[in-house]
C-alpha cells in the first residue's frame, strides 16, 4: 500500500466510527501479581478494540446487504440504483472457497487476503476489475459498516505504562490490512507511538494463517528470543478468546491473561473440548488491571 493512500483510508475510518463502550460480563477478575514477565503481546479485536460484532470480518446479517451496496457505491464501483445479482452472502462463500483451497494445501487454519476476496466478488457481481486503491477503500467502507470498533477504555494509558516500564510490546492478531490503520485512525498514534515494536507484530492476513494456529505466535517468539533473549515463559499474552488466544499461547509456554471486559467478544468456548482444562493464569475485566498484575514483575 502506498503511503499517500493511508491518510485517506484513516480519514474514512475516523468518519465512519463512533464511540462504543464495552458491555460488562460479570466475569470475575484475577489480578494477582505475576513475576518474571519481560514482554507483553496482545490480541486486537475484542481486546484492544471494542468490536461491535465481536471479531474481525464478522457482520450482522441484517445490515450486510445494505452495507455491501453502500460500500460499492462509496468506492465508485457500482452506479447508484443498479441491482445486485448477489447479496453480501457472496463474500462469505468466496471466503469459504479460499479457505477450502488453502486446507487442501495443508493449512489447518487459513486466513484470506481480503483484497483478493473483494476482487473475486467484483467478478462474481459482473463488475469490472478495480485498481488496488479502490479495493482498499471498498474493504474499509464495508468493514466499518459491519464491524464498528472503538479503542477499549484505558488502552492507550495501559500501553504507555507498559512501554514506560521497558517491556517490549507486540501484537498477535487475526487481522486484515486495515487493522493497524484502524488503531492509528482511532488513537491518533501509529504502532510505535502506541508502544509496539512493529517487528513483534504478527498479522494473520500477511501469513495467510489464522489463530489458533501457533505459527503467528512462533514468529514473534523467535524474534523476542533473538533480539531480546526473552524465552516464552517470560512472555504474557492478553486475549479474549480461550480457543484462539489462550490455548495456542498456553501450549507454547506463554503466560496468559484472559480479557473478559466485553460481553460481545468474550469467548469462553465452554462446549469446545479443545479448551478443556485450559485456564489462563490471570483474568482482567479492564485493561488497566494489567498494572496490578505486572507492578511487581
Protein backbone atom coordinates (compact mmCIF):
# COMPACT_ATOMS: atom_id res chain seq x y z
CA UNK A 1 0.00 0.00 0.00
CA UNK A 2 1.36 3.40 -0.95
CA UNK A 3 1.95 5.84 1.90
CA UNK A 4 -0.24 8.51 0.30
CA UNK A 5 -3.29 6.20 0.41
CA UNK A 6 -3.09 5.56 4.17
CA UNK A 7 -4.26 9.06 5.24
CA UNK A 8 -7.37 8.78 3.05
CA UNK A 9 -8.22 5.36 4.44
CA UNK A 10 -7.69 6.51 8.03
CA UNK A 11 -9.88 9.54 7.44
CA UNK A 12 -12.62 7.24 6.13
CA UNK A 13 -12.26 5.09 9.27
CA UNK A 14 -12.49 8.14 11.54
CA UNK A 15 -15.56 9.48 9.73
CA UNK A 16 -17.29 6.11 9.91
CA UNK A 17 -16.54 5.41 13.58
CA UNK A 18 -18.46 6.31 16.71
CA UNK A 19 -17.64 5.66 20.38
CA UNK A 20 -18.50 2.18 21.59
CA UNK A 21 -18.49 1.14 25.24
CA UNK A 22 -17.82 -2.43 26.37
CA UNK A 23 -20.71 -4.35 27.88
CA UNK A 24 -19.77 -5.75 31.30
CA UNK A 25 -19.60 -9.52 31.50
CA UNK A 26 -19.88 -10.08 35.24
CA UNK A 27 -16.87 -12.38 34.93
CA UNK A 28 -14.61 -12.26 38.00
CA UNK A 29 -11.18 -10.70 37.64
CA UNK A 30 -7.98 -12.20 38.99
CA UNK A 31 -5.26 -9.57 39.21
CA UNK A 32 -2.73 -11.25 41.49
CA UNK A 33 0.82 -10.20 40.57
CA UNK A 34 2.84 -12.30 38.16
CA UNK A 35 6.63 -12.31 38.35
CA UNK A 36 9.22 -12.82 35.65
CA UNK A 37 7.30 -11.19 32.79
CA UNK A 38 9.63 -9.44 30.33
CA UNK A 39 7.34 -8.84 27.29
CA UNK A 40 3.62 -8.48 26.61
CA UNK A 41 1.69 -9.44 23.47
CA UNK A 42 -1.91 -8.54 22.66
CA UNK A 43 -4.83 -9.62 20.55
CA UNK A 44 -6.65 -6.71 18.85
CA UNK A 45 -10.38 -7.27 18.22
CA UNK A 46 -12.28 -7.68 21.45
CA UNK A 47 -9.15 -6.94 23.49
CA UNK A 48 -7.55 -3.66 22.42
CA UNK A 49 -10.61 -2.65 20.41
CA UNK A 50 -14.26 -2.86 21.36
CA UNK A 51 -15.76 -4.77 18.43
CA UNK A 52 -19.40 -4.21 17.58
CA UNK A 53 -19.66 -7.67 16.07
CA UNK A 54 -17.16 -9.37 18.33
CA UNK A 55 -14.36 -10.12 15.86
CA UNK A 56 -12.70 -9.05 12.62
CA UNK A 57 -14.60 -9.77 9.43
CA UNK A 58 -17.87 -10.85 11.05
CA UNK A 59 -21.04 -8.96 10.27
CA UNK A 60 -24.66 -8.98 11.33
CA UNK A 61 -26.89 -10.41 8.60
CA UNK A 62 -29.48 -7.66 8.87
CA UNK A 63 -27.03 -4.98 7.74
CA UNK A 64 -24.73 -6.80 5.35
CA UNK A 65 -26.63 -6.46 2.08
CA UNK A 66 -27.17 -2.73 2.60
CA UNK A 67 -23.54 -2.32 3.64
CA UNK A 68 -22.38 -4.11 0.50
CA UNK A 69 -24.30 -1.78 -1.78
CA UNK A 70 -23.22 1.34 0.09
CA UNK A 71 -19.56 0.27 0.10
CA UNK A 72 -19.58 -0.44 -3.63
CA UNK A 73 -21.21 2.91 -4.33
CA UNK A 74 -18.85 4.79 -2.00
CA UNK A 75 -15.83 3.24 -3.72
CA UNK A 76 -17.22 4.29 -7.11
CA UNK A 77 -17.56 0.71 -8.28
CA UNK A 78 -21.37 0.49 -8.58
CA UNK A 79 -23.67 3.02 -10.24
CA UNK A 80 -26.39 4.13 -7.85
CA UNK A 81 -29.61 2.22 -8.36
CA UNK A 82 -28.03 -0.67 -10.24
CA UNK A 83 -29.41 -4.02 -8.99
CA UNK A 84 -27.02 -6.52 -7.44
CA UNK A 85 -27.33 -10.15 -8.54
CA UNK A 86 -25.97 -11.37 -5.18
CA UNK A 87 -26.16 -10.18 -1.58
CA UNK A 88 -23.36 -9.97 0.96
CA UNK A 89 -23.54 -13.74 1.49
CA UNK A 90 -21.44 -13.86 -1.66
CA UNK A 91 -18.43 -12.65 0.34
CA UNK A 92 -18.81 -15.45 2.85
CA UNK A 93 -19.00 -18.01 0.07
CA UNK A 94 -15.84 -16.67 -1.55
CA UNK A 95 -14.01 -16.67 1.79
CA UNK A 96 -15.04 -20.30 2.32
CA UNK A 97 -13.75 -21.17 -1.16
CA UNK A 98 -10.40 -19.56 -0.36
CA UNK A 99 -10.27 -21.44 2.94
CA UNK A 100 -11.04 -24.75 1.26
CA UNK A 101 -8.24 -24.26 -1.28
CA UNK A 102 -5.78 -23.47 1.50
CA UNK A 103 -6.84 -26.50 3.53
CA UNK A 104 -6.26 -28.73 0.53
CA UNK A 105 -2.73 -27.32 0.53
CA UNK A 106 -2.27 -28.29 4.17
CA UNK A 107 -3.14 -25.08 6.04
CA UNK A 108 -5.22 -26.05 9.07
CA UNK A 109 -6.44 -22.53 9.95
CA UNK A 110 -6.43 -20.49 6.72
CA UNK A 111 -6.67 -16.72 6.50
CA UNK A 112 -7.64 -14.75 3.43
CA UNK A 113 -6.29 -11.55 1.98
CA UNK A 114 -9.50 -9.54 1.93
CA UNK A 115 -8.42 -7.67 -1.20
CA UNK A 116 -8.37 -10.94 -3.14
CA UNK A 117 -11.82 -11.75 -1.78
CA UNK A 118 -13.17 -8.40 -2.96
CA UNK A 119 -11.55 -8.82 -6.36
CA UNK A 120 -13.30 -12.18 -6.79
CA UNK A 121 -16.56 -10.65 -5.52
CA UNK A 122 -16.48 -7.92 -8.16
CA UNK A 123 -16.09 -10.56 -10.86
CA UNK A 124 -18.99 -12.57 -9.41
CA UNK A 125 -21.13 -9.42 -9.35
CA UNK A 126 -20.40 -8.76 -13.01
CA UNK A 127 -18.45 -5.59 -12.20
CA UNK A 128 -15.16 -4.64 -13.88
CA UNK A 129 -11.84 -5.17 -12.08
CA UNK A 130 -10.86 -2.37 -9.73
CA UNK A 131 -7.45 -0.85 -9.00
CA UNK A 132 -5.82 -1.60 -5.68
CA UNK A 133 -6.75 1.77 -4.17
CA UNK A 134 -10.44 1.27 -4.94
CA UNK A 135 -10.37 -2.23 -3.48
CA UNK A 136 -8.85 -0.89 -0.27
CA UNK A 137 -11.50 1.83 0.02
CA UNK A 138 -14.18 -0.78 -0.63
CA UNK A 139 -12.85 -3.13 2.05
CA UNK A 140 -12.58 -0.34 4.62
CA UNK A 141 -16.06 1.00 3.89
CA UNK A 142 -17.65 -2.43 4.27
CA UNK A 143 -15.71 -3.31 7.42
CA UNK A 144 -16.56 -0.02 9.10
CA UNK A 145 -20.25 -0.57 8.35
CA UNK A 146 -20.43 -4.19 9.50
CA UNK A 147 -17.89 -4.33 12.31
CA UNK A 148 -17.73 -0.96 14.11
CA UNK A 149 -14.84 -0.69 16.55
CA UNK A 150 -13.50 1.73 19.15
CA UNK A 151 -10.48 1.73 21.48
CA UNK A 152 -11.09 -0.21 24.66
CA UNK A 153 -11.20 2.04 27.74
CA UNK A 154 -7.72 2.56 29.17
CA UNK A 155 -5.98 1.11 26.13
CA UNK A 156 -3.54 3.90 25.35
CA UNK A 157 -2.77 4.65 29.01
CA UNK A 158 -2.11 0.98 29.75
CA UNK A 159 0.17 0.58 26.73
CA UNK A 160 2.08 3.71 27.71
CA UNK A 161 2.52 2.38 31.26
CA UNK A 162 3.81 -0.98 30.00
CA UNK A 163 6.19 0.62 27.50
CA UNK A 164 7.39 3.01 30.20
CA UNK A 165 8.47 0.02 32.26
CA UNK A 166 10.70 -1.12 29.40
CA UNK A 167 8.57 -4.07 28.35
CA UNK A 168 8.70 -4.95 24.62
CA UNK A 169 5.14 -4.92 23.32
CA UNK A 170 3.74 -6.80 20.34
CA UNK A 171 0.56 -8.00 18.67
CA UNK A 172 -0.55 -11.45 17.53
CA UNK A 173 -3.91 -10.99 15.85
CA UNK A 174 -6.33 -12.23 13.27
CA UNK A 175 -6.47 -9.12 11.13
CA UNK A 176 -6.53 -7.51 7.71
CA UNK A 177 -4.54 -4.66 6.18
CA UNK A 178 -6.90 -2.11 7.72
CA UNK A 179 -6.31 -3.29 11.32
CA UNK A 180 -3.14 -1.27 12.05
CA UNK A 181 -4.69 1.64 10.14
CA UNK A 182 -7.73 1.43 12.41
CA UNK A 183 -5.60 1.54 15.55
CA UNK A 184 -3.84 4.65 14.27
CA UNK A 185 -7.00 6.32 12.97
CA UNK A 186 -8.86 5.96 16.27
CA UNK A 187 -5.98 6.84 18.61
CA UNK A 188 -4.03 9.34 16.51
CA UNK A 189 -0.90 7.24 17.10
CA UNK A 190 0.90 4.70 14.96
CA UNK A 191 2.02 1.34 16.29
CA UNK A 192 5.37 2.62 17.53
CA UNK A 193 3.83 5.66 19.18
CA UNK A 194 1.42 3.33 20.99
CA UNK A 195 4.42 1.44 22.35
CA UNK A 196 4.52 -1.53 19.97
CA UNK A 197 7.56 -2.86 18.18
CA UNK A 198 6.31 -3.45 14.60
CA UNK A 199 8.79 -6.31 14.36
CA UNK A 200 6.92 -8.04 17.17
CA UNK A 201 3.56 -7.86 15.39
CA UNK A 202 2.17 -10.89 13.55
CA UNK A 203 -0.90 -10.31 11.37
CA UNK A 204 -2.89 -13.26 10.06
CA UNK A 205 -3.52 -11.81 6.60
CA UNK A 206 0.22 -11.50 5.96
CA UNK A 207 0.93 -15.12 6.94
CA UNK A 208 -2.27 -16.48 5.34
CA UNK A 209 -2.85 -18.36 8.56
CA UNK A 210 -5.11 -17.50 11.49
CA UNK A 211 -5.19 -18.18 15.20
CA UNK A 212 -5.41 -20.65 16.83
CA UNK A 213 -2.53 -21.65 14.57
CA UNK A 214 0.68 -21.44 16.59
CA UNK A 215 2.57 -20.08 13.57
CA UNK A 216 1.73 -16.44 14.34
CA UNK A 217 2.98 -16.82 17.90
CA UNK A 218 6.15 -18.64 16.89
CA UNK A 219 7.13 -15.85 14.53
CA UNK A 220 7.04 -13.28 17.35
CA UNK A 221 8.61 -15.64 19.91
CA UNK A 222 11.61 -16.25 17.64
CA UNK A 223 12.14 -12.52 17.32
CA UNK A 224 11.81 -11.97 21.07
CA UNK A 225 14.43 -14.65 21.68
CA UNK A 226 16.79 -13.35 19.00
CA UNK A 227 16.51 -9.62 19.74
CA UNK A 228 15.94 -9.60 23.49
CA UNK A 229 16.87 -13.04 24.79
CA UNK A 230 13.34 -13.48 26.12
CA UNK A 231 12.01 -17.03 26.45
CA UNK A 232 8.30 -17.89 26.06
CA UNK A 233 7.84 -18.41 29.82
CA UNK A 234 8.66 -14.70 30.32
CA UNK A 235 6.06 -13.54 27.76
CA UNK A 236 2.49 -12.57 28.67
CA UNK A 237 -0.29 -12.84 26.09
CA UNK A 238 -3.58 -10.98 26.54
CA UNK A 239 -6.66 -12.07 24.57
CA UNK A 240 -10.42 -12.50 24.82
CA UNK A 241 -10.85 -15.99 23.32
CA UNK A 242 -9.96 -19.23 25.09
CA UNK A 243 -9.61 -21.13 21.80
CA UNK A 244 -7.94 -18.61 19.52
CA UNK A 245 -5.86 -16.76 22.11
CA UNK A 246 -5.32 -18.61 25.37
CA UNK A 247 -4.98 -22.17 24.02
CA UNK A 248 -2.16 -21.61 21.48
CA UNK A 249 -0.29 -19.24 23.80
CA UNK A 250 -0.55 -21.73 26.66
CA UNK A 251 0.70 -24.62 24.51
CA UNK A 252 3.75 -22.61 23.50
CA UNK A 253 4.64 -21.89 27.11
CA UNK A 254 3.50 -18.28 27.40
CA UNK A 255 1.73 -16.90 30.44
CA UNK A 256 -1.82 -15.84 29.59
CA UNK A 257 -4.37 -13.25 30.67
CA UNK A 258 -7.99 -13.59 29.58
CA UNK A 259 -9.57 -10.24 28.79
CA UNK A 260 -13.18 -10.60 29.99
CA UNK A 261 -14.23 -6.98 29.72
CA UNK A 262 -16.86 -7.06 26.97
CA UNK A 263 -19.82 -9.43 26.62
CA UNK A 264 -19.77 -9.06 22.82
CA UNK A 265 -16.35 -10.58 22.43
CA UNK A 266 -15.66 -12.80 25.45
CA UNK A 267 -15.27 -16.33 24.11
CA UNK A 268 -15.13 -18.94 26.88
CA UNK A 269 -15.90 -21.85 24.48
CA UNK A 270 -17.37 -23.96 27.27
CA UNK A 271 -18.72 -26.56 24.82
CA UNK A 272 -15.44 -26.95 22.88
CA UNK A 273 -13.39 -29.97 24.02
CA UNK A 274 -10.22 -28.37 22.65
CA UNK A 275 -10.14 -25.92 25.56
CA UNK A 276 -10.99 -28.45 28.26
CA UNK A 277 -8.60 -27.95 31.15
CA UNK A 278 -7.17 -24.72 29.72
CA UNK A 279 -7.14 -21.98 32.34
CA UNK A 280 -5.49 -18.57 31.95
CA UNK A 281 -3.02 -17.53 34.63
CA UNK A 282 -5.00 -14.34 35.25
CA UNK A 283 -8.22 -12.63 34.13
CA UNK A 284 -8.92 -8.91 33.72
CA UNK A 285 -12.13 -7.05 33.04
CA UNK A 286 -10.37 -3.74 32.37
CA UNK A 287 -7.04 -3.27 30.62
CA UNK A 288 -5.87 -1.03 33.44
CA UNK A 289 -5.86 -4.10 35.72
CA UNK A 290 -2.73 -5.28 33.93
CA UNK A 291 -0.85 -2.78 36.05
CA UNK A 292 -1.67 -4.74 39.21
CA UNK A 293 -0.59 -7.99 37.57
CA UNK A 294 2.73 -6.58 36.34
CA UNK A 295 3.53 -4.00 39.02
CA UNK A 296 5.97 -6.30 40.77
CA UNK A 297 7.38 -8.12 37.79
